[in-house]
Amino acid sequence: MEKFKKLKNEGNDFVKMGEYEEAANKYSECMKLNTEECTVYTNRALCYLKLYKYEEAKQDCDHVLQIEDSNIKAFYRRALAYKGLQVRKKNMAGI
């Protein structure tokens, strides 16, 4: 559990510095240690949104909502992911 907290804190520090790829990697390492901790999924979803990886963000939020069906951050970030996916589809249609 100590390693989990250390990795999560490192991920949080990377987010604060705007290093979203590194932060996502730290959160992914956390998930190998504990798949039930929802905050690392919502945190990684935030990173994915910042990296324009909308499908990945949506998947993380879907996972959280299967565990906690009223997680506000997961609903909000999933909505942002859907919005990003819609914008991408519209842009692709115009090409």
Protein backbone atom coordinates (compact mmCIF):
# COMPACT_ATOMS: atom_id res chain seq x y z
CA MET A 1 0.00 0.00 0.00
CA GLU A 2 2.93 2.32 0.69
CA LYS A 3 4.21 1.94 -2.90
CA PHE A 4 0.70 2.71 -4.18
CA LYS A 5 0.58 6.00 -2.23
CA LYS A 6 4.07 6.95 -3.40
CA LEU A 7 3.18 6.34 -7.06
CA LYS A 8 -0.11 8.21 -6.73
CA ASN A 9 1.62 11.20 -5.13
CA GLU A 10 4.24 11.18 -7.89
CA GLY A 11 1.42 11.17 -10.45
CA ASN A 12 -0.26 14.08 -8.66
CA ASP A 13 3.04 16.02 -8.71
CA PHE A 14 3.40 15.43 -12.45
CA VAL A 15 -0.15 16.73 -13.00
CA LYS A 16 0.69 19.91 -11.07
CA MET A 17 3.71 20.42 -13.36
CA GLY A 18 1.62 19.77 -16.49
CA GLU A 19 3.49 16.55 -17.27
CA TYR A 20 0.38 14.56 -18.16
CA GLU A 21 2.03 11.66 -19.98
CA GLU A 22 4.29 10.95 -17.00
CA ALA A 23 1.37 11.33 -14.59
CA ALA A 24 -0.73 8.87 -16.61
CA ASN A 25 2.12 6.37 -16.45
CA LYS A 26 2.32 6.68 -12.65
CA TYR A 27 -1.44 6.18 -12.32
CA SER A 28 -1.22 3.14 -14.59
CA GLU A 29 1.42 1.69 -12.26
CA CYS A 30 -0.93 2.32 -9.33
CA MET A 31 -3.64 0.33 -11.10
CA LYS A 32 -1.39 -2.71 -11.23
CA LEU A 33 -1.30 -2.60 -7.41
CA ASN A 34 -4.97 -1.77 -6.81
CA THR A 35 -7.67 -1.95 -9.50
CA GLU A 36 -10.46 -0.83 -7.14
CA GLU A 37 -9.09 2.64 -6.24
CA CYS A 38 -11.30 4.97 -8.28
CA THR A 39 -9.29 8.15 -7.79
CA VAL A 40 -6.37 6.90 -9.90
CA TYR A 41 -8.79 6.18 -12.76
CA THR A 42 -10.38 9.63 -12.60
CA ASN A 43 -6.92 11.18 -12.30
CA ARG A 44 -5.66 9.26 -15.31
CA ALA A 45 -8.82 10.27 -17.19
CA LEU A 46 -7.89 13.90 -16.52
CA CYS A 47 -4.43 13.25 -17.99
CA TYR A 48 -5.94 11.59 -21.04
CA LEU A 49 -8.27 14.55 -21.56
CA LYS A 50 -5.30 16.92 -21.46
CA LEU A 51 -3.53 14.67 -23.99
CA TYR A 52 -6.62 14.56 -26.27
CA LYS A 53 -6.97 10.81 -25.69
CA TYR A 54 -10.74 10.97 -25.35
CA GLU A 55 -11.52 7.29 -25.87
CA GLU A 56 -9.06 6.28 -23.13
CA ALA A 57 -10.49 8.91 -20.79
CA LYS A 58 -14.01 7.61 -21.43
CA GLN A 59 -12.92 4.04 -20.69
CA ASP A 60 -11.39 5.04 -17.35
CA CYS A 61 -14.55 6.90 -16.39
CA ASP A 62 -16.74 3.96 -17.45
CA HIS A 63 -14.64 1.70 -15.19
CA VAL A 64 -15.12 4.04 -12.21
CA LEU A 65 -18.86 4.27 -12.79
CA GLN A 66 -19.14 0.48 -12.71
CA ILE A 67 -17.65 0.58 -9.19
CA GLU A 68 -19.12 3.88 -7.95
CA ASP A 69 -22.24 4.71 -9.93
CA SER A 70 -22.50 8.24 -8.50
CA ASN A 71 -18.88 9.41 -8.87
CA ILE A 72 -19.24 13.05 -9.93
CA LYS A 73 -15.69 13.40 -11.30
CA ALA A 74 -16.17 10.32 -13.46
CA PHE A 75 -19.46 11.67 -14.87
CA TYR A 76 -17.94 15.08 -15.55
CA ARG A 77 -14.76 13.78 -17.15
CA ARG A 78 -16.70 11.26 -19.22
CA ALA A 79 -18.87 14.11 -20.50
CA LEU A 80 -15.71 16.01 -21.48
CA ALA A 81 -14.43 12.88 -23.23
CA TYR A 82 -17.71 12.53 -25.17
CA LYS A 83 -17.48 16.20 -26.12
CA GLY A 84 -13.92 15.71 -27.36
CA LEU A 85 -14.94 12.66 -29.36
CA GLN A 86 -17.81 14.60 -30.99
CA VAL A 87 -15.53 17.48 -31.94
CA ARG A 88 -13.04 15.03 -33.43
CA LYS A 89 -15.81 13.35 -35.48
CA LYS A 90 -17.00 16.72 -36.81
CA ASN A 91 -13.46 17.73 -37.76
CA MET A 92 -12.88 14.41 -39.53
CA ALA A 93 -16.13 14.83 -41.48
CA GLY A 94 -14.88 18.16 -42.81
CA ILE A 95 -11.65 16.71 -44.19
